[in-house]
Amino acid sequence: MPPKVKFTKEQVLDAAFEIANEEGFDSITIRRVADKLGSSIAPIYVNFKNLDELKYELAEKIISLTTEVMLSEKTHDPFLDIGAGNIRLALDYPQLFRDFHLNPNCRKYFIKNNSHHGKLIEKMSASQKLKGLSTEQMGELLQTMAFVTFGIIFESLTGEMKMAYEEVVRYMEDTADSLIAGYKIRKGIKE
């Protein structure tokens, strides 16, 4: 009898990620992950006690990917890198992006994790455009810009306005510059 094939936790998560990326987060089931691995359901239960635990750990993996992309995207400004990274994620992983931001069944797995926030603020602090802002103010600006960025992204993904990555980034930068200038005026921040 051939030896049983063992699957690592990472291999199980990778299979779940593929399903979520191709078909949506709601499509993940223990059976579907096992089928993707070409195995019985046993290896999944060896690594995870139930489907919820698998989905929470998958959410961690997706958040890590999100943070990595937003920190590694390179434009001429660190603050713009974060938005450009969000655009890159939306273009490269549209189903995951939609689920992460719009699917209430999926959002519950992500809502508990805010681990990337500090890393993004740290990157923002290197932006000359944000000179003079406190960490708290950068956090406020990041949240406001996230709302704007998601609107731009969703319009480019789902609306009639189909734009190339570079166009979306240019549009977002113009919007961010106006938002930063207005924020500094409202808060009385001098450069």
C-alpha atoms as a PDB file:
ATOM      1  CA  MET A   1       0.000   0.000   0.000  1.00  0.00           C
ATOM      2  CA  PRO A   2       1.475   3.413  -0.978  1.00  0.00           C
ATOM      3  CA  PRO A   3       2.147   5.848   1.874  1.00  0.00           C
ATOM      4  CA  LYS A   4      -0.483   8.473   2.601  1.00  0.00           C
ATOM      5  CA  VAL A   5       0.274  11.872   1.150  1.00  0.00           C
ATOM      6  CA  LYS A   6       0.612  14.540   3.835  1.00  0.00           C
ATOM      7  CA  PHE A   7      -0.293  18.133   3.162  1.00  0.00           C
ATOM      8  CA  THR A   8       1.110  21.049   5.111  1.00  0.00           C
ATOM      9  CA  LYS A   9      -0.996  23.852   6.499  1.00  0.00           C
ATOM     10  CA  GLU A  10       0.505  26.134   3.832  1.00  0.00           C
ATOM     11  CA  GLN A  11      -0.494  23.743   1.024  1.00  0.00           C
ATOM     12  CA  VAL A  12      -4.055  23.639   2.345  1.00  0.00           C
ATOM     13  CA  LEU A  13      -4.129  27.449   2.567  1.00  0.00           C
ATOM     14  CA  ASP A  14      -2.730  27.725  -0.962  1.00  0.00           C
ATOM     15  CA  ALA A  15      -5.517  25.483  -2.263  1.00  0.00           C
ATOM     16  CA  ALA A  16      -8.141  27.558  -0.415  1.00  0.00           C
ATOM     17  CA  PHE A  17      -6.554  30.742  -1.782  1.00  0.00           C
ATOM     18  CA  GLU A  18      -6.841  29.437  -5.342  1.00  0.00           C
ATOM     19  CA  ILE A  19     -10.530  28.662  -4.826  1.00  0.00           C
ATOM     20  CA  ALA A  20     -11.195  32.092  -3.287  1.00  0.00           C
ATOM     21  CA  ASN A  21      -9.269  33.850  -6.043  1.00  0.00           C
ATOM     22  CA  GLU A  22     -10.988  31.981  -8.871  1.00  0.00           C
ATOM     23  CA  GLU A  23     -14.520  31.515  -7.550  1.00  0.00           C
ATOM     24  CA  GLY A  24     -14.902  33.669  -4.447  1.00  0.00           C
ATOM     25  CA  PHE A  25     -14.466  33.302  -0.721  1.00  0.00           C
ATOM     26  CA  ASP A  26     -17.962  31.799  -0.298  1.00  0.00           C
ATOM     27  CA  SER A  27     -16.937  28.906  -2.571  1.00  0.00           C
ATOM     28  CA  ILE A  28     -14.462  27.569  -0.029  1.00  0.00           C
ATOM     29  CA  THR A  29     -15.596  24.344   1.603  1.00  0.00           C
ATOM     30  CA  ILE A  30     -13.612  21.544   3.184  1.00  0.00           C
ATOM     31  CA  ARG A  31     -14.637  19.240   0.328  1.00  0.00           C
ATOM     32  CA  ARG A  32     -13.626  21.791  -2.366  1.00  0.00           C
ATOM     33  CA  VAL A  33     -10.208  22.301  -0.753  1.00  0.00           C
ATOM     34  CA  ALA A  34      -9.708  18.537  -0.537  1.00  0.00           C
ATOM     35  CA  ASP A  35     -10.677  18.170  -4.195  1.00  0.00           C
ATOM     36  CA  LYS A  36      -8.226  20.934  -5.126  1.00  0.00           C
ATOM     37  CA  LEU A  37      -5.491  19.038  -3.276  1.00  0.00           C
ATOM     38  CA  GLY A  38      -6.583  15.737  -4.824  1.00  0.00           C
ATOM     39  CA  SER A  39      -7.098  14.196  -1.402  1.00  0.00           C
ATOM     40  CA  SER A  40      -9.680  13.196   1.132  1.00  0.00           C
ATOM     41  CA  ILE A  41     -10.861  15.731   3.693  1.00  0.00           C
ATOM     42  CA  ALA A  42      -8.560  14.252   6.364  1.00  0.00           C
ATOM     43  CA  PRO A  43      -5.520  16.486   5.619  1.00  0.00           C
ATOM     44  CA  ILE A  44      -7.642  19.581   6.038  1.00  0.00           C
ATOM     45  CA  TYR A  45      -8.860  18.448   9.454  1.00  0.00           C
ATOM     46  CA  VAL A  46      -5.313  17.514  10.447  1.00  0.00           C
ATOM     47  CA  ASN A  47      -4.331  21.157   9.924  1.00  0.00           C
ATOM     48  CA  PHE A  48      -7.561  22.990  10.859  1.00  0.00           C
ATOM     49  CA  LYS A  49     -10.247  22.106  13.363  1.00  0.00           C
ATOM     50  CA  ASN A  50     -13.054  23.454  11.146  1.00  0.00           C
ATOM     51  CA  LEU A  51     -13.880  25.599   8.116  1.00  0.00           C
ATOM     52  CA  ASP A  52     -13.983  28.815  10.152  1.00  0.00           C
ATOM     53  CA  GLU A  53     -10.436  28.310  11.396  1.00  0.00           C
ATOM     54  CA  LEU A  54      -9.299  27.694   7.802  1.00  0.00           C
ATOM     55  CA  LYS A  55     -11.032  30.876   6.618  1.00  0.00           C
ATOM     56  CA  TYR A  56      -9.581  32.994   9.429  1.00  0.00           C
ATOM     57  CA  GLU A  57      -6.079  31.776   8.583  1.00  0.00           C
ATOM     58  CA  LEU A  58      -6.744  32.360   4.887  1.00  0.00           C
ATOM     59  CA  ALA A  59      -7.804  35.912   5.755  1.00  0.00           C
ATOM     60  CA  GLU A  60      -4.431  36.328   7.515  1.00  0.00           C
ATOM     61  CA  LYS A  61      -2.669  35.108   4.379  1.00  0.00           C
ATOM     62  CA  ILE A  62      -4.634  37.529   2.190  1.00  0.00           C
ATOM     63  CA  ILE A  63      -3.929  40.451   4.540  1.00  0.00           C
ATOM     64  CA  SER A  64      -0.221  39.586   4.468  1.00  0.00           C
ATOM     65  CA  LEU A  65      -0.308  39.560   0.656  1.00  0.00           C
ATOM     66  CA  THR A  66      -2.199  42.862   0.642  1.00  0.00           C
ATOM     67  CA  THR A  67       0.317  44.501   2.945  1.00  0.00           C
ATOM     68  CA  GLU A  68       3.256  43.114   0.982  1.00  0.00           C
ATOM     69  CA  VAL A  69       1.902  44.484  -2.303  1.00  0.00           C
ATOM     70  CA  MET A  70       1.079  47.910  -0.848  1.00  0.00           C
ATOM     71  CA  LEU A  71       4.534  48.172   0.728  1.00  0.00           C
ATOM     72  CA  SER A  72       6.411  46.945  -2.345  1.00  0.00           C
ATOM     73  CA  GLU A  73       4.686  48.994  -5.068  1.00  0.00           C
ATOM     74  CA  LYS A  74       7.051  51.721  -6.260  1.00  0.00           C
ATOM     75  CA  THR A  75       5.944  55.099  -7.532  1.00  0.00           C
ATOM     76  CA  HIS A  76       7.681  58.393  -6.796  1.00  0.00           C
ATOM     77  CA  ASP A  77       5.902  58.786  -3.424  1.00  0.00           C
ATOM     78  CA  PRO A  78       5.476  56.355  -0.494  1.00  0.00           C
ATOM     79  CA  PHE A  79       1.871  57.445   0.148  1.00  0.00           C
ATOM     80  CA  LEU A  80       0.994  56.928  -3.495  1.00  0.00           C
ATOM     81  CA  ASP A  81       2.647  53.480  -3.323  1.00  0.00           C
ATOM     82  CA  ILE A  82      -0.056  52.348  -0.899  1.00  0.00           C
ATOM     83  CA  GLY A  83      -2.893  53.411  -3.206  1.00  0.00           C
ATOM     84  CA  ALA A  84      -1.090  52.053  -6.267  1.00  0.00           C
ATOM     85  CA  GLY A  85      -0.652  48.775  -4.402  1.00  0.00           C
ATOM     86  CA  ASN A  86      -4.394  48.672  -3.784  1.00  0.00           C
ATOM     87  CA  ILE A  87      -4.967  49.198  -7.494  1.00  0.00           C
ATOM     88  CA  ARG A  88      -2.487  46.429  -8.315  1.00  0.00           C
ATOM     89  CA  LEU A  89      -4.336  44.080  -5.927  1.00  0.00           C
ATOM     90  CA  ALA A  90      -7.689  44.941  -7.492  1.00  0.00           C
ATOM     91  CA  LEU A  91      -6.381  44.275 -10.993  1.00  0.00           C
ATOM     92  CA  ASP A  92      -4.463  41.094 -10.126  1.00  0.00           C
ATOM     93  CA  TYR A  93      -7.021  39.624  -7.695  1.00  0.00           C
ATOM     94  CA  PRO A  94     -10.404  41.159  -8.613  1.00  0.00           C
ATOM     95  CA  GLN A  95     -12.538  38.452  -7.002  1.00  0.00           C
ATOM     96  CA  LEU A  96     -10.602  38.560  -3.724  1.00  0.00           C
ATOM     97  CA  PHE A  97     -10.671  42.352  -3.772  1.00  0.00           C
ATOM     98  CA  ARG A  98     -14.455  42.402  -4.210  1.00  0.00           C
ATOM     99  CA  ASP A  99     -14.981  39.781  -1.506  1.00  0.00           C
ATOM    100  CA  PHE A 100     -12.636  41.521   0.921  1.00  0.00           C
ATOM    101  CA  HIS A 101     -14.441  44.839   0.568  1.00  0.00           C
ATOM    102  CA  LEU A 102     -18.019  43.977  -0.374  1.00  0.00           C
ATOM    103  CA  ASN A 103     -18.926  40.481   0.773  1.00  0.00           C
ATOM    104  CA  PRO A 104     -20.348  40.490   4.333  1.00  0.00           C
ATOM    105  CA  ASN A 105     -19.784  36.717   4.629  1.00  0.00           C
ATOM    106  CA  CYS A 106     -16.130  37.300   3.869  1.00  0.00           C
ATOM    107  CA  ARG A 107     -15.597  40.574   5.760  1.00  0.00           C
ATOM    108  CA  LYS A 108     -16.188  38.949   9.141  1.00  0.00           C
ATOM    109  CA  TYR A 109     -12.972  36.971   8.671  1.00  0.00           C
ATOM    110  CA  PHE A 110     -10.952  40.094   7.938  1.00  0.00           C
ATOM    111  CA  ILE A 111     -12.456  42.588  10.354  1.00  0.00           C
ATOM    112  CA  LYS A 112     -10.496  41.337  13.379  1.00  0.00           C
ATOM    113  CA  ASN A 113      -7.135  41.901  11.730  1.00  0.00           C
ATOM    114  CA  ASN A 114      -5.670  45.368  11.503  1.00  0.00           C
ATOM    115  CA  SER A 115      -2.031  44.291  11.646  1.00  0.00           C
ATOM    116  CA  HIS A 116      -1.032  46.065   8.462  1.00  0.00           C
ATOM    117  CA  HIS A 117      -2.134  49.536   9.577  1.00  0.00           C
ATOM    118  CA  GLY A 118       1.089  50.355  11.469  1.00  0.00           C
ATOM    119  CA  LYS A 119       3.252  49.221   8.553  1.00  0.00           C
ATOM    120  CA  LEU A 120       1.327  51.449   6.159  1.00  0.00           C
ATOM    121  CA  ILE A 121       1.629  54.459   8.465  1.00  0.00           C
ATOM    122  CA  GLU A 122       5.365  53.820   8.749  1.00  0.00           C
ATOM    123  CA  LYS A 123       5.665  53.854   4.956  1.00  0.00           C
ATOM    124  CA  MET A 124       3.554  57.012   4.732  1.00  0.00           C
ATOM    125  CA  SER A 125       5.856  58.832   7.131  1.00  0.00           C
ATOM    126  CA  ALA A 126       8.550  58.816   4.405  1.00  0.00           C
ATOM    127  CA  SER A 127       6.340  60.886   2.079  1.00  0.00           C
ATOM    128  CA  GLN A 128       7.405  64.504   1.633  1.00  0.00           C
ATOM    129  CA  LYS A 129       3.782  65.349   0.845  1.00  0.00           C
ATOM    130  CA  LEU A 130       2.783  64.341   4.383  1.00  0.00           C
ATOM    131  CA  LYS A 131       5.531  66.295   6.140  1.00  0.00           C
ATOM    132  CA  GLY A 132       4.250  67.864   9.346  1.00  0.00           C
ATOM    133  CA  LEU A 133       1.459  65.322   9.942  1.00  0.00           C
ATOM    134  CA  SER A 134       1.343  63.294  13.155  1.00  0.00           C
ATOM    135  CA  THR A 135       0.890  59.532  13.137  1.00  0.00           C
ATOM    136  CA  GLU A 136      -2.761  60.017  14.103  1.00  0.00           C
ATOM    137  CA  GLN A 137      -3.312  62.509  11.300  1.00  0.00           C
ATOM    138  CA  MET A 138      -1.679  60.161   8.790  1.00  0.00           C
ATOM    139  CA  GLY A 139      -4.087  57.459   9.983  1.00  0.00           C
ATOM    140  CA  GLU A 140      -7.051  59.775   9.385  1.00  0.00           C
ATOM    141  CA  LEU A 141      -5.752  60.660   5.947  1.00  0.00           C
ATOM    142  CA  LEU A 142      -5.101  56.982   5.129  1.00  0.00           C
ATOM    143  CA  GLN A 143      -8.700  56.095   6.023  1.00  0.00           C
ATOM    144  CA  THR A 144     -10.125  58.969   3.986  1.00  0.00           C
ATOM    145  CA  MET A 145      -7.925  58.142   1.025  1.00  0.00           C
ATOM    146  CA  ALA A 146      -8.960  54.481   1.280  1.00  0.00           C
ATOM    147  CA  PHE A 147     -12.591  55.482   0.703  1.00  0.00           C
ATOM    148  CA  VAL A 148     -11.602  57.557  -2.318  1.00  0.00           C
ATOM    149  CA  THR A 149      -9.276  54.862  -3.667  1.00  0.00           C
ATOM    150  CA  PHE A 150     -11.928  52.158  -3.408  1.00  0.00           C
ATOM    151  CA  GLY A 151     -14.364  54.328  -5.323  1.00  0.00           C
ATOM    152  CA  ILE A 152     -11.825  54.854  -8.090  1.00  0.00           C
ATOM    153  CA  ILE A 153     -10.940  51.168  -8.137  1.00  0.00           C
ATOM    154  CA  PHE A 154     -14.532  49.926  -8.195  1.00  0.00           C
ATOM    155  CA  GLU A 155     -15.438  52.340 -10.956  1.00  0.00           C
ATOM    156  CA  SER A 156     -12.494  51.143 -13.027  1.00  0.00           C
ATOM    157  CA  LEU A 157     -13.316  47.469 -12.307  1.00  0.00           C
ATOM    158  CA  THR A 158     -17.075  47.504 -12.648  1.00  0.00           C
ATOM    159  CA  GLY A 159     -18.118  50.727 -14.319  1.00  0.00           C
ATOM    160  CA  GLU A 160     -18.102  51.768 -17.899  1.00  0.00           C
ATOM    161  CA  MET A 161     -14.919  53.738 -17.311  1.00  0.00           C
ATOM    162  CA  LYS A 162     -12.231  51.131 -18.015  1.00  0.00           C
ATOM    163  CA  MET A 163      -8.818  52.598 -17.293  1.00  0.00           C
ATOM    164  CA  ALA A 164      -5.298  51.237 -17.463  1.00  0.00           C
ATOM    165  CA  TYR A 165      -3.298  50.933 -14.241  1.00  0.00           C
ATOM    166  CA  GLU A 166      -1.211  54.036 -15.005  1.00  0.00           C
ATOM    167  CA  GLU A 167      -4.345  56.133 -15.649  1.00  0.00           C
ATOM    168  CA  VAL A 168      -5.926  55.043 -12.377  1.00  0.00           C
ATOM    169  CA  VAL A 169      -2.733  55.846 -10.465  1.00  0.00           C
ATOM    170  CA  ARG A 170      -2.499  59.301 -12.098  1.00  0.00           C
ATOM    171  CA  TYR A 171      -6.134  60.046 -11.299  1.00  0.00           C
ATOM    172  CA  MET A 172      -5.671  58.836  -7.736  1.00  0.00           C
ATOM    173  CA  GLU A 173      -2.532  60.960  -7.258  1.00  0.00           C
ATOM    174  CA  ASP A 174      -4.346  64.120  -8.371  1.00  0.00           C
ATOM    175  CA  THR A 175      -7.149  63.321  -5.954  1.00  0.00           C
ATOM    176  CA  ALA A 176      -4.702  62.555  -3.125  1.00  0.00           C
ATOM    177  CA  ASP A 177      -2.810  65.808  -3.666  1.00  0.00           C
ATOM    178  CA  SER A 178      -6.055  67.777  -3.391  1.00  0.00           C
ATOM    179  CA  LEU A 179      -7.120  65.795  -0.341  1.00  0.00           C
ATOM    180  CA  ILE A 180      -3.753  66.316   1.399  1.00  0.00           C
ATOM    181  CA  ALA A 181      -3.760  70.056   0.658  1.00  0.00           C
ATOM    182  CA  GLY A 182      -7.313  70.426   1.965  1.00  0.00           C
ATOM    183  CA  TYR A 183      -6.557  68.348   5.050  1.00  0.00           C
ATOM    184  CA  LYS A 184      -3.509  70.467   5.898  1.00  0.00           C
ATOM    185  CA  ILE A 185      -5.513  73.684   5.497  1.00  0.00           C
ATOM    186  CA  ARG A 186      -8.335  72.388   7.731  1.00  0.00           C
ATOM    187  CA  LYS A 187      -5.872  71.245  10.401  1.00  0.00           C
ATOM    188  CA  GLY A 188      -3.733  74.390  10.154  1.00  0.00           C
ATOM    189  CA  ILE A 189      -0.597  72.424   9.253  1.00  0.00           C
ATOM    190  CA  LYS A 190       2.188  74.495   7.758  1.00  0.00           C
ATOM    191  CA  GLU A 191       4.847  72.930   5.578  1.00  0.00           C
END
